[in-house]
C-alpha atoms as a PDB file:
ATOM      1  CA  MET A   1      -0.272  -0.187   0.259  1.00  0.00           C
ATOM      2  CA  ALA A   2       1.295   3.533  -0.910  1.00  0.00           C
ATOM      3  CA  ARG A   3       2.765   5.284   2.161  1.00  0.00           C
ATOM      4  CA  PRO A   4       0.707   8.935   2.540  1.00  0.00           C
ATOM      5  CA  PRO A   5       2.930  11.830   1.841  1.00  0.00           C
ATOM      6  CA  ARG A   6       4.961  13.025   5.182  1.00  0.00           C
ATOM      7  CA  THR A   7       2.880  16.187   6.323  1.00  0.00           C
ATOM      8  CA  PRO A   8       5.998  19.267   6.425  1.00  0.00           C
ATOM      9  CA  LYS A   9       7.272  20.620   9.545  1.00  0.00           C
ATOM     10  CA  THR A  10       6.301  24.411  10.157  1.00  0.00           C
ATOM     11  CA  THR A  11       7.105  26.963  12.926  1.00  0.00           C
ATOM     12  CA  ALA A  12       4.564  28.955  14.159  1.00  0.00           C
ATOM     13  CA  GLY A  13       3.706  32.103  16.026  1.00  0.00           C
ATOM     14  CA  PRO A  14       0.310  33.100  17.554  1.00  0.00           C
ATOM     15  CA  SER A  15      -2.872  31.880  15.878  1.00  0.00           C
ATOM     16  CA  LEU A  16      -4.135  33.068  12.669  1.00  0.00           C
ATOM     17  CA  VAL A  17      -7.942  33.503  12.065  1.00  0.00           C
ATOM     18  CA  VAL A  18      -9.850  33.130   8.806  1.00  0.00           C
ATOM     19  CA  PRO A  19     -11.251  36.595   7.745  1.00  0.00           C
ATOM     20  CA  ALA A  20     -15.093  37.135   7.873  1.00  0.00           C
ATOM     21  CA  GLY A  21     -16.208  37.384   4.298  1.00  0.00           C
ATOM     22  CA  ARG A  22     -13.694  34.814   2.854  1.00  0.00           C
ATOM     23  CA  GLN A  23     -14.631  33.829  -0.717  1.00  0.00           C
ATOM     24  CA  GLY A  24     -11.491  31.792  -1.663  1.00  0.00           C
ATOM     25  CA  PRO A  25      -9.508  32.201  -5.005  1.00  0.00           C
ATOM     26  CA  GLY A  26     -11.632  30.353  -7.013  1.00  0.00           C
ATOM     27  CA  THR A  27     -10.589  27.501  -9.192  1.00  0.00           C
ATOM     28  CA  VAL A  28      -7.061  27.740 -10.151  1.00  0.00           C
ATOM     29  CA  THR A  29      -6.500  26.058 -13.743  1.00  0.00           C
ATOM     30  CA  SER A  30      -4.006  23.767 -15.066  1.00  0.00           C
ATOM     31  CA  ASP A  31      -3.610  26.007 -18.066  1.00  0.00           C
ATOM     32  CA  ALA A  32      -2.769  29.290 -15.744  1.00  0.00           C
ATOM     33  CA  VAL A  33      -0.355  26.979 -13.960  1.00  0.00           C
ATOM     34  CA  ALA A  34       1.698  26.210 -17.309  1.00  0.00           C
ATOM     35  CA  ARG A  35       1.633  29.584 -18.618  1.00  0.00           C
ATOM     36  CA  VAL A  36       2.817  31.241 -15.384  1.00  0.00           C
ATOM     37  CA  ASP A  37       5.314  28.452 -15.090  1.00  0.00           C
ATOM     38  CA  LEU A  38       6.658  29.718 -18.684  1.00  0.00           C
ATOM     39  CA  GLY A  39       6.647  33.327 -17.859  1.00  0.00           C
ATOM     40  CA  LEU A  40       8.656  32.757 -14.687  1.00  0.00           C
ATOM     41  CA  LEU A  41      11.392  30.667 -16.566  1.00  0.00           C
ATOM     42  CA  ARG A  42      12.022  33.948 -18.916  1.00  0.00           C
ATOM     43  CA  ARG A  43      11.887  36.212 -16.183  1.00  0.00           C
ATOM     44  CA  ALA A  44      14.025  34.256 -14.304  1.00  0.00           C
ATOM     45  CA  GLY A  45      16.256  33.517 -17.106  1.00  0.00           C
ATOM     46  CA  GLY A  46      16.020  29.979 -17.054  1.00  0.00           C
ATOM     47  CA  VAL A  47      16.483  29.827 -13.046  1.00  0.00           C
ATOM     48  CA  LEU A  48      13.934  26.905 -12.547  1.00  0.00           C
ATOM     49  CA  PRO A  49      13.968  23.168 -12.518  1.00  0.00           C
ATOM     50  CA  GLY A  50      15.023  21.602 -15.856  1.00  0.00           C
ATOM     51  CA  ASP A  51      15.935  24.968 -17.266  1.00  0.00           C
ATOM     52  CA  HIS A  52      19.810  25.312 -15.938  1.00  0.00           C
ATOM     53  CA  LEU A  53      23.068  23.876 -15.577  1.00  0.00           C
ATOM     54  CA  GLY A  54      22.935  22.035 -12.269  1.00  0.00           C
ATOM     55  CA  ILE A  55      25.895  22.151  -9.644  1.00  0.00           C
ATOM     56  CA  GLY A  56      24.850  19.191  -7.535  1.00  0.00           C
ATOM     57  CA  ALA A  57      23.058  15.627  -7.738  1.00  0.00           C
ATOM     58  CA  GLY A  58      19.135  16.505  -8.375  1.00  0.00           C
ATOM     59  CA  ALA A  59      16.316  14.703  -9.563  1.00  0.00           C
ATOM     60  CA  GLY A  60      17.503  14.610 -13.314  1.00  0.00           C
ATOM     61  CA  THR A  61      19.929  15.629 -15.883  1.00  0.00           C
ATOM     62  CA  GLU A  62      20.416  18.332 -18.403  1.00  0.00           C
ATOM     63  CA  LEU A  63      22.183  18.293 -21.720  1.00  0.00           C
ATOM     64  CA  ALA A  64      25.192  20.274 -21.058  1.00  0.00           C
ATOM     65  CA  ARG A  65      27.889  20.455 -23.902  1.00  0.00           C
ATOM     66  CA  LEU A  66      29.633  18.582 -26.597  1.00  0.00           C
ATOM     67  CA  ARG A  67      33.229  17.157 -27.096  1.00  0.00           C
ATOM     68  CA  PRO A  68      35.176  14.886 -29.175  1.00  0.00           C
ATOM     69  CA  TYR A  69      34.815  11.229 -28.267  1.00  0.00           C
ATOM     70  CA  GLU A  70      37.313   9.581 -26.013  1.00  0.00           C
ATOM     71  CA  ALA A  71      38.354   5.904 -25.513  1.00  0.00           C
ATOM     72  CA  GLY A  72      36.267   4.704 -22.656  1.00  0.00           C
ATOM     73  CA  ASP A  73      32.888   6.902 -23.658  1.00  0.00           C
ATOM     74  CA  ASP A  74      29.592   5.498 -23.504  1.00  0.00           C
ATOM     75  CA  VAL A  75      28.962   4.987 -27.326  1.00  0.00           C
ATOM     76  CA  ARG A  76      25.201   5.663 -26.738  1.00  0.00           C
ATOM     77  CA  GLN A  77      26.212   9.278 -26.036  1.00  0.00           C
ATOM     78  CA  ILE A  78      27.807   9.906 -29.373  1.00  0.00           C
ATOM     79  CA  ASP A  79      25.874  12.775 -31.175  1.00  0.00           C
ATOM     80  CA  PRO A  80      25.005  11.741 -34.781  1.00  0.00           C
ATOM     81  CA  ALA A  81      24.520  15.587 -35.954  1.00  0.00           C
ATOM     82  CA  ALA A  82      27.749  16.750 -34.412  1.00  0.00           C
ATOM     83  CA  THR A  83      29.609  13.935 -35.534  1.00  0.00           C
ATOM     84  CA  ALA A  84      28.285  14.520 -39.052  1.00  0.00           C
ATOM     85  CA  ARG A  85      29.012  18.254 -38.867  1.00  0.00           C
ATOM     86  CA  THR A  86      32.627  17.934 -37.612  1.00  0.00           C
ATOM     87  CA  GLY A  87      33.413  14.449 -39.326  1.00  0.00           C
ATOM     88  CA  GLU A  88      34.868  13.017 -36.199  1.00  0.00           C
ATOM     89  CA  PRO A  89      32.742  11.268 -33.458  1.00  0.00           C
ATOM     90  CA  HIS A  90      31.453  13.560 -30.580  1.00  0.00           C
ATOM     91  CA  VAL A  91      29.677  12.584 -27.305  1.00  0.00           C
ATOM     92  CA  ARG A  92      26.841  14.841 -25.854  1.00  0.00           C
ATOM     93  CA  LEU A  93      27.556  15.034 -21.868  1.00  0.00           C
ATOM     94  CA  GLN A  94      24.992  15.087 -19.344  1.00  0.00           C
ATOM     95  CA  VAL A  95      25.199  17.011 -15.798  1.00  0.00           C
ATOM     96  CA  PRO A  96      23.151  16.287 -12.634  1.00  0.00           C
ATOM     97  CA  GLU A  97      20.403  18.964 -12.404  1.00  0.00           C
ATOM     98  CA  ARG A  98      20.406  21.050  -9.073  1.00  0.00           C
ATOM     99  CA  SER A  99      16.804  21.174  -7.164  1.00  0.00           C
ATOM    100  CA  ILE A 100      15.514  24.846  -7.461  1.00  0.00           C
ATOM    101  CA  THR A 101      14.071  26.489  -4.418  1.00  0.00           C
ATOM    102  CA  THR A 102      10.963  28.829  -4.996  1.00  0.00           C
ATOM    103  CA  TRP A 103      10.612  30.844  -1.353  1.00  0.00           C
ATOM    104  CA  LEU A 104       7.013  32.260  -1.154  1.00  0.00           C
ATOM    105  CA  VAL A 105       6.869  35.465   1.339  1.00  0.00           C
ATOM    106  CA  LEU A 106       3.340  35.418   2.132  1.00  0.00           C
ATOM    107  CA  ASP A 107       1.754  38.547   3.745  1.00  0.00           C
ATOM    108  CA  VAL A 108      -0.683  37.573   6.495  1.00  0.00           C
ATOM    109  CA  SER A 109      -0.943  41.093   8.138  1.00  0.00           C
ATOM    110  CA  PRO A 110      -4.723  42.210   8.840  1.00  0.00           C
ATOM    111  CA  SER A 111      -4.766  44.501   6.118  1.00  0.00           C
ATOM    112  CA  MET A 112      -4.894  41.486   3.777  1.00  0.00           C
ATOM    113  CA  GLY A 113      -8.442  40.546   5.131  1.00  0.00           C
ATOM    114  CA  PHE A 114      -9.918  43.523   3.482  1.00  0.00           C
ATOM    115  CA  GLY A 115     -11.936  43.549   0.147  1.00  0.00           C
ATOM    116  CA  SER A 116     -14.636  45.793  -1.420  1.00  0.00           C
ATOM    117  CA  ARG A 117     -15.407  43.732  -4.241  1.00  0.00           C
ATOM    118  CA  ASP A 118     -15.638  39.918  -5.047  1.00  0.00           C
ATOM    119  CA  ARG A 119     -13.003  39.060  -2.806  1.00  0.00           C
ATOM    120  CA  LEU A 120     -10.845  39.933  -0.539  1.00  0.00           C
ATOM    121  CA  LYS A 121      -6.633  40.454  -0.665  1.00  0.00           C
ATOM    122  CA  SER A 122      -6.168  37.516   1.062  1.00  0.00           C
ATOM    123  CA  ASP A 123      -8.226  35.323  -0.895  1.00  0.00           C
ATOM    124  CA  ILE A 124      -6.074  36.545  -3.956  1.00  0.00           C
ATOM    125  CA  ALA A 125      -3.360  36.199  -1.874  1.00  0.00           C
ATOM    126  CA  GLU A 126      -4.177  32.493  -1.265  1.00  0.00           C
ATOM    127  CA  GLY A 127      -4.544  31.745  -5.120  1.00  0.00           C
ATOM    128  CA  VAL A 128      -1.148  33.052  -6.096  1.00  0.00           C
ATOM    129  CA  ALA A 129       0.036  30.707  -3.490  1.00  0.00           C
ATOM    130  CA  ALA A 130      -1.357  27.788  -5.019  1.00  0.00           C
ATOM    131  CA  VAL A 131      -0.158  28.457  -8.290  1.00  0.00           C
ATOM    132  CA  VAL A 132       3.322  29.557  -6.982  1.00  0.00           C
ATOM    133  CA  GLY A 133       3.519  26.238  -5.358  1.00  0.00           C
ATOM    134  CA  ARG A 134       2.434  24.055  -8.324  1.00  0.00           C
ATOM    135  CA  VAL A 135       4.940  25.748 -10.425  1.00  0.00           C
ATOM    136  CA  ALA A 136       7.616  25.336  -8.059  1.00  0.00           C
ATOM    137  CA  ILE A 137       7.599  21.848  -7.760  1.00  0.00           C
ATOM    138  CA  ARG A 138       7.231  21.103 -11.359  1.00  0.00           C
ATOM    139  CA  ARG A 139      10.371  19.399 -12.798  1.00  0.00           C
ATOM    140  CA  GLY A 140      11.638  18.293  -9.367  1.00  0.00           C
ATOM    141  CA  GLY A 141      11.772  21.991  -7.763  1.00  0.00           C
ATOM    142  CA  ARG A 142      10.998  22.532  -4.139  1.00  0.00           C
ATOM    143  CA  VAL A 143       9.116  25.146  -2.246  1.00  0.00           C
ATOM    144  CA  ALA A 144       9.214  26.956   0.905  1.00  0.00           C
ATOM    145  CA  VAL A 145       7.153  29.627   2.866  1.00  0.00           C
ATOM    146  CA  VAL A 146       7.617  32.114   5.255  1.00  0.00           C
ATOM    147  CA  THR A 147       4.731  34.423   6.548  1.00  0.00           C
ATOM    148  CA  ALA A 148       5.311  38.100   6.655  1.00  0.00           C
ATOM    149  CA  GLY A 149       3.429  40.388   9.513  1.00  0.00           C
ATOM    150  CA  GLU A 150       3.308  37.852  12.554  1.00  0.00           C
ATOM    151  CA  ASP A 151       5.628  38.973  15.366  1.00  0.00           C
ATOM    152  CA  THR A 152       6.962  35.174  14.725  1.00  0.00           C
ATOM    153  CA  PRO A 153       6.826  34.443  11.166  1.00  0.00           C
ATOM    154  CA  ARG A 154       5.731  30.918  10.500  1.00  0.00           C
ATOM    155  CA  MET A 155       7.747  28.957   7.735  1.00  0.00           C
ATOM    156  CA  LEU A 156       7.432  25.713   5.541  1.00  0.00           C
ATOM    157  CA  ARG A 157      10.729  24.241   5.124  1.00  0.00           C
ATOM    158  CA  PRO A 158      11.681  23.546   1.375  1.00  0.00           C
ATOM    159  CA  ARG A 159       9.913  20.436   0.261  1.00  0.00           C
ATOM    160  CA  GLY A 160       8.930  18.947  -2.872  1.00  0.00           C
ATOM    161  CA  GLY A 161       5.799  17.087  -4.354  1.00  0.00           C
ATOM    162  CA  ARG A 162       2.334  16.640  -3.206  1.00  0.00           C
ATOM    163  CA  GLY A 163       3.610  16.767   0.649  1.00  0.00           C
ATOM    164  CA  ALA A 164       4.940  20.354  -0.074  1.00  0.00           C
ATOM    165  CA  LEU A 165       1.385  21.359  -1.650  1.00  0.00           C
ATOM    166  CA  ALA A 166      -0.486  20.003   1.177  1.00  0.00           C
ATOM    167  CA  GLY A 167       1.453  21.775   3.780  1.00  0.00           C
ATOM    168  CA  LEU A 168       1.349  25.124   1.814  1.00  0.00           C
ATOM    169  CA  GLN A 169      -2.514  24.730   1.419  1.00  0.00           C
ATOM    170  CA  ARG A 170      -3.075  24.215   5.343  1.00  0.00           C
ATOM    171  CA  LEU A 171      -0.864  27.088   6.128  1.00  0.00           C
ATOM    172  CA  VAL A 172      -2.769  29.446   4.038  1.00  0.00           C
ATOM    173  CA  ALA A 173      -6.079  28.240   5.402  1.00  0.00           C
ATOM    174  CA  GLN A 174      -5.229  29.365   8.528  1.00  0.00           C
ATOM    175  CA  GLY A 175      -6.183  32.771   7.807  1.00  0.00           C
ATOM    176  CA  ILE A 176      -4.281  36.324   8.967  1.00  0.00           C
ATOM    177  CA  ARG A 177      -3.445  37.623  11.998  1.00  0.00           C
ATOM    178  CA  PRO A 178      -6.432  39.122  13.857  1.00  0.00           C
ATOM    179  CA  ASP A 179      -6.951  42.916  14.046  1.00  0.00           C
ATOM    180  CA  GLY A 180      -4.792  44.616  16.861  1.00  0.00           C
ATOM    181  CA  VAL A 181      -2.642  41.978  17.575  1.00  0.00           C
ATOM    182  CA  PRO A 182       1.130  42.743  17.626  1.00  0.00           C
ATOM    183  CA  GLY A 183       2.721  41.747  14.493  1.00  0.00           C
ATOM    184  CA  GLY A 184       5.856  41.773  12.695  1.00  0.00           C
ATOM    185  CA  PRO A 185       7.460  43.835   9.596  1.00  0.00           C
ATOM    186  CA  LEU A 186       7.864  42.633   6.092  1.00  0.00           C
ATOM    187  CA  SER A 187      11.515  43.077   6.565  1.00  0.00           C
ATOM    188  CA  GLU A 188      11.710  40.215   9.034  1.00  0.00           C
ATOM    189  CA  ALA A 189      10.392  37.653   6.820  1.00  0.00           C
ATOM    190  CA  LEU A 190      12.723  38.720   4.285  1.00  0.00           C
ATOM    191  CA  VAL A 191      15.856  38.380   6.243  1.00  0.00           C
ATOM    192  CA  ARG A 192      14.798  35.202   7.209  1.00  0.00           C
ATOM    193  CA  VAL A 193      14.471  34.068   3.551  1.00  0.00           C
ATOM    194  CA  ALA A 194      18.113  35.926   2.979  1.00  0.00           C
ATOM    195  CA  ARG A 195      19.699  34.068   5.705  1.00  0.00           C
ATOM    196  CA  LEU A 196      18.081  30.294   4.375  1.00  0.00           C
ATOM    197  CA  ALA A 197      18.065  30.652   1.110  1.00  0.00           C
ATOM    198  CA  ARG A 198      21.694  30.311   0.234  1.00  0.00           C
ATOM    199  CA  THR A 199      21.797  28.508  -3.126  1.00  0.00           C
ATOM    200  CA  ARG A 200      20.290  30.817  -6.133  1.00  0.00           C
ATOM    201  CA  GLY A 201      16.675  30.236  -6.222  1.00  0.00           C
ATOM    202  CA  VAL A 202      13.337  32.077  -6.908  1.00  0.00           C
ATOM    203  CA  VAL A 203      11.703  34.477  -4.362  1.00  0.00           C
ATOM    204  CA  VAL A 204       7.917  35.299  -4.566  1.00  0.00           C
ATOM    205  CA  VAL A 205       6.666  37.927  -2.326  1.00  0.00           C
ATOM    206  CA  VAL A 206       3.050  38.257  -2.264  1.00  0.00           C
ATOM    207  CA  SER A 207       1.834  41.494  -0.209  1.00  0.00           C
ATOM    208  CA  ASP A 208      -0.270  44.795  -0.317  1.00  0.00           C
ATOM    209  CA  PHE A 209       3.258  46.213   0.616  1.00  0.00           C
ATOM    210  CA  ARG A 210       1.689  48.925   3.013  1.00  0.00           C
ATOM    211  CA  ALA A 211       4.559  47.800   5.636  1.00  0.00           C
ATOM    212  CA  GLU A 212       5.848  51.096   7.215  1.00  0.00           C
ATOM    213  CA  GLY A 213       9.685  52.067   6.972  1.00  0.00           C
ATOM    214  CA  GLU A 214      12.386  51.379   4.585  1.00  0.00           C
ATOM    215  CA  GLU A 215      14.225  48.113   6.103  1.00  0.00           C
ATOM    216  CA  TRP A 216      11.967  46.045   3.693  1.00  0.00           C
ATOM    217  CA  THR A 217      13.372  47.731   0.601  1.00  0.00           C
ATOM    218  CA  VAL A 218      16.967  47.138   1.548  1.00  0.00           C
ATOM    219  CA  MET A 219      16.454  43.374   2.402  1.00  0.00           C
ATOM    220  CA  LEU A 220      14.827  43.218  -1.244  1.00  0.00           C
ATOM    221  CA  ARG A 221      17.837  44.595  -2.822  1.00  0.00           C
ATOM    222  CA  ARG A 222      19.832  42.122  -0.957  1.00  0.00           C
ATOM    223  CA  LEU A 223      17.830  39.361  -2.168  1.00  0.00           C
ATOM    224  CA  ALA A 224      17.363  40.666  -5.891  1.00  0.00           C
ATOM    225  CA  SER A 225      21.358  40.512  -5.895  1.00  0.00           C
ATOM    226  CA  ARG A 226      21.384  36.780  -5.592  1.00  0.00           C
ATOM    227  CA  HIS A 227      17.769  35.433  -6.625  1.00  0.00           C
ATOM    228  CA  THR A 228      15.077  35.963  -9.536  1.00  0.00           C
ATOM    229  CA  VAL A 229      12.701  38.269  -7.233  1.00  0.00           C
ATOM    230  CA  VAL A 230       9.033  38.894  -8.193  1.00  0.00           C
ATOM    231  CA  ALA A 231       7.027  40.940  -6.013  1.00  0.00           C
ATOM    232  CA  ILE A 232       3.105  40.475  -6.257  1.00  0.00           C
ATOM    233  CA  GLU A 233       1.472  43.531  -4.899  1.00  0.00           C
ATOM    234  CA  ILE A 234      -2.166  43.189  -3.898  1.00  0.00           C
ATOM    235  CA  ALA A 235      -4.864  46.044  -4.177  1.00  0.00           C
ATOM    236  CA  ASP A 236      -8.258  46.759  -3.349  1.00  0.00           C
ATOM    237  CA  PRO A 237      -9.900  49.888  -5.509  1.00  0.00           C
ATOM    238  CA  LEU A 238     -11.337  51.545  -2.355  1.00  0.00           C
ATOM    239  CA  GLU A 239      -7.680  51.662  -1.050  1.00  0.00           C
ATOM    240  CA  ALA A 240      -6.947  54.085  -3.680  1.00  0.00           C
ATOM    241  CA  ALA A 241      -9.885  56.979  -2.919  1.00  0.00           C
ATOM    242  CA  ILE A 242     -12.366  57.022  -0.294  1.00  0.00           C
ATOM    243  CA  PRO A 243     -16.191  57.177  -1.847  1.00  0.00           C
ATOM    244  CA  ASP A 244     -18.483  60.115  -0.355  1.00  0.00           C
ATOM    245  CA  VAL A 245     -20.538  58.203   2.197  1.00  0.00           C
ATOM    246  CA  GLY A 246     -20.821  60.460   4.946  1.00  0.00           C
ATOM    247  CA  HIS A 247     -19.376  59.478   8.547  1.00  0.00           C
ATOM    248  CA  LEU A 248     -17.445  56.502   8.895  1.00  0.00           C
ATOM    249  CA  GLN A 249     -15.893  54.739  11.766  1.00  0.00           C
ATOM    250  CA  LEU A 250     -12.771  52.916  10.607  1.00  0.00           C
ATOM    251  CA  VAL A 251     -10.407  50.377  12.385  1.00  0.00           C
ATOM    252  CA  ASP A 252      -6.879  50.398  11.420  1.00  0.00           C
ATOM    253  CA  PRO A 253      -6.242  46.737  11.206  1.00  0.00           C
ATOM    254  CA  GLU A 254      -2.649  47.298  12.018  1.00  0.00           C
ATOM    255  CA  THR A 255      -3.181  48.771  15.333  1.00  0.00           C
ATOM    256  CA  GLY A 256      -6.735  48.373  16.292  1.00  0.00           C
ATOM    257  CA  GLU A 257      -7.280  51.903  16.648  1.00  0.00           C
ATOM    258  CA  LEU A 258     -10.510  53.433  15.773  1.00  0.00           C
ATOM    259  CA  VAL A 259     -10.645  56.582  13.148  1.00  0.00           C
ATOM    260  CA  GLU A 260     -13.602  58.483  12.420  1.00  0.00           C
ATOM    261  CA  LEU A 261     -13.707  60.315   9.011  1.00  0.00           C
ATOM    262  CA  ASP A 262     -16.090  62.855   7.295  1.00  0.00           C
ATOM    263  CA  THR A 263     -15.999  61.319   3.771  1.00  0.00           C
ATOM    264  CA  SER A 264     -18.026  64.240   2.472  1.00  0.00           C
ATOM    265  CA  SER A 265     -15.051  66.338   2.760  1.00  0.00           C
ATOM    266  CA  PRO A 266     -13.707  66.987  -1.007  1.00  0.00           C
ATOM    267  CA  ALA A 267     -10.619  68.073   0.885  1.00  0.00           C
ATOM    268  CA  LEU A 268     -10.063  65.199   2.793  1.00  0.00           C
ATOM    269  CA  ARG A 269     -10.966  62.834  -0.125  1.00  0.00           C
ATOM    270  CA  GLU A 270      -8.182  64.847  -2.293  1.00  0.00           C
ATOM    271  CA  HIS A 271      -5.583  64.535   0.340  1.00  0.00           C
ATOM    272  CA  TYR A 272      -6.162  60.570   1.082  1.00  0.00           C
ATOM    273  CA  ALA A 273      -5.902  60.073  -2.472  1.00  0.00           C
ATOM    274  CA  LYS A 274      -3.061  61.823  -2.989  1.00  0.00           C
ATOM    275  CA  VAL A 275      -1.139  60.274   0.103  1.00  0.00           C
ATOM    276  CA  GLU A 276      -2.370  56.597  -1.365  1.00  0.00           C
ATOM    277  CA  SER A 277      -0.880  57.848  -4.578  1.00  0.00           C
ATOM    278  CA  THR A 278       2.473  58.872  -3.296  1.00  0.00           C
ATOM    279  CA  ARG A 279       2.829  55.532  -1.365  1.00  0.00           C
ATOM    280  CA  ARG A 280       2.003  53.442  -4.137  1.00  0.00           C
ATOM    281  CA  ALA A 281       4.602  55.101  -6.385  1.00  0.00           C
ATOM    282  CA  ARG A 282       6.965  54.748  -3.762  1.00  0.00           C
ATOM    283  CA  VAL A 283       6.338  51.065  -3.485  1.00  0.00           C
ATOM    284  CA  ALA A 284       6.854  50.608  -7.352  1.00  0.00           C
ATOM    285  CA  ARG A 285      10.022  52.646  -7.475  1.00  0.00           C
ATOM    286  CA  ALA A 286      11.484  50.754  -4.615  1.00  0.00           C
ATOM    287  CA  LEU A 287      10.663  47.372  -6.257  1.00  0.00           C
ATOM    288  CA  ARG A 288      11.894  48.531  -9.943  1.00  0.00           C
ATOM    289  CA  ARG A 289      15.056  49.455  -7.796  1.00  0.00           C
ATOM    290  CA  ALA A 290      15.300  46.081  -6.391  1.00  0.00           C
ATOM    291  CA  PRO A 291      15.158  45.010  -9.143  1.00  0.00           C
ATOM    292  CA  ALA A 292      12.066  43.017  -8.648  1.00  0.00           C
ATOM    293  CA  ARG A 293       9.226  41.622 -11.111  1.00  0.00           C
ATOM    294  CA  HIS A 294       6.760  43.865 -10.067  1.00  0.00           C
ATOM    295  CA  VAL A 295       3.109  42.227 -10.581  1.00  0.00           C
ATOM    296  CA  GLN A 296      -0.016  44.097  -9.607  1.00  0.00           C
ATOM    297  CA  LEU A 297      -3.403  42.449  -8.829  1.00  0.00           C
ATOM    298  CA  SER A 298      -6.902  43.958  -7.669  1.00  0.00           C
ATOM    299  CA  THR A 299      -9.928  42.320  -6.075  1.00  0.00           C
ATOM    300  CA  ASP A 300     -12.053  43.984  -8.708  1.00  0.00           C
ATOM    301  CA  ARG A 301     -10.400  41.992 -11.455  1.00  0.00           C
ATOM    302  CA  ASP A 302      -9.689  38.509 -12.636  1.00  0.00           C
ATOM    303  CA  TRP A 303      -6.312  37.963 -10.783  1.00  0.00           C
ATOM    304  CA  ALA A 304      -5.272  34.713 -12.375  1.00  0.00           C
ATOM    305  CA  ARG A 305      -5.944  36.121 -15.886  1.00  0.00           C
ATOM    306  CA  ASP A 306      -3.740  39.319 -14.753  1.00  0.00           C
ATOM    307  CA  LEU A 307      -1.170  37.118 -13.366  1.00  0.00           C
ATOM    308  CA  VAL A 308      -0.573  35.215 -16.532  1.00  0.00           C
ATOM    309  CA  LYS A 309      -0.692  38.315 -18.385  1.00  0.00           C
ATOM    310  CA  ALA A 310       1.939  40.271 -16.282  1.00  0.00           C
ATOM    311  CA  LEU A 311       4.331  37.119 -16.588  1.00  0.00           C
ATOM    312  CA  ARG A 312       4.064  35.783 -20.131  1.00  0.00           C
END
């Protein structure tokens, strides 16, 4: 009887909660996974399993180079085309393929539980995580997950196969950090990835990038100097502009602080829109300078289609 896949070990902080209004990401199709896979290959310059020169024993081999035949070589490695072209026997050597690890940094801060349209930002993050996980394990690769926004980040250690996807699904299903509960900065999760990801790989950061301070930008540049970095920013239209709906009482999801606003004030709405536009531009500039591939997704759009389009 086949043995069920082992459960990947995780390190965990305080309890997460499933956000109210959770809808889930919808269906993640195999076609979307395949197209994102090809897009990442192009963006990563071939740094994915099956598309690079290996430096250690891995889950397969790849064709590396040709050289003249030498006594003792396996005659089955003789390359007919090269032999005919040069007039002397040539063999095609094969080298071990190194398993590439994709590091997924998943934002679970309370702001990810917001959504004014069909889905919450955390719903889209859940779908992106599923796609990234399935892409990561194709052709023998591995996936690792580090959460951002918690006081003690959770971690799913590098793993391949069905066990990795099962662990990823369980971690994502735990939800986000509750409102008002102290959390950690995005930079803390990036520091952990930089410390653990010792060989070149792919780092995918899924966040709304509403983190305070500049520490995360410094760490992202450090990661991008060694790895292929993809930054997937998730937003909601209501975050860009406040509608005129009179007096509102809002809770800051990061601090739990209650804020009262008179949205009928044109000056307030204009000021908010300007501040938010400046913040988004600052994030885009930081990602461009890293450099990281910047993908923007929104709760009012088909996230899977936009993800494929951005990476094709």
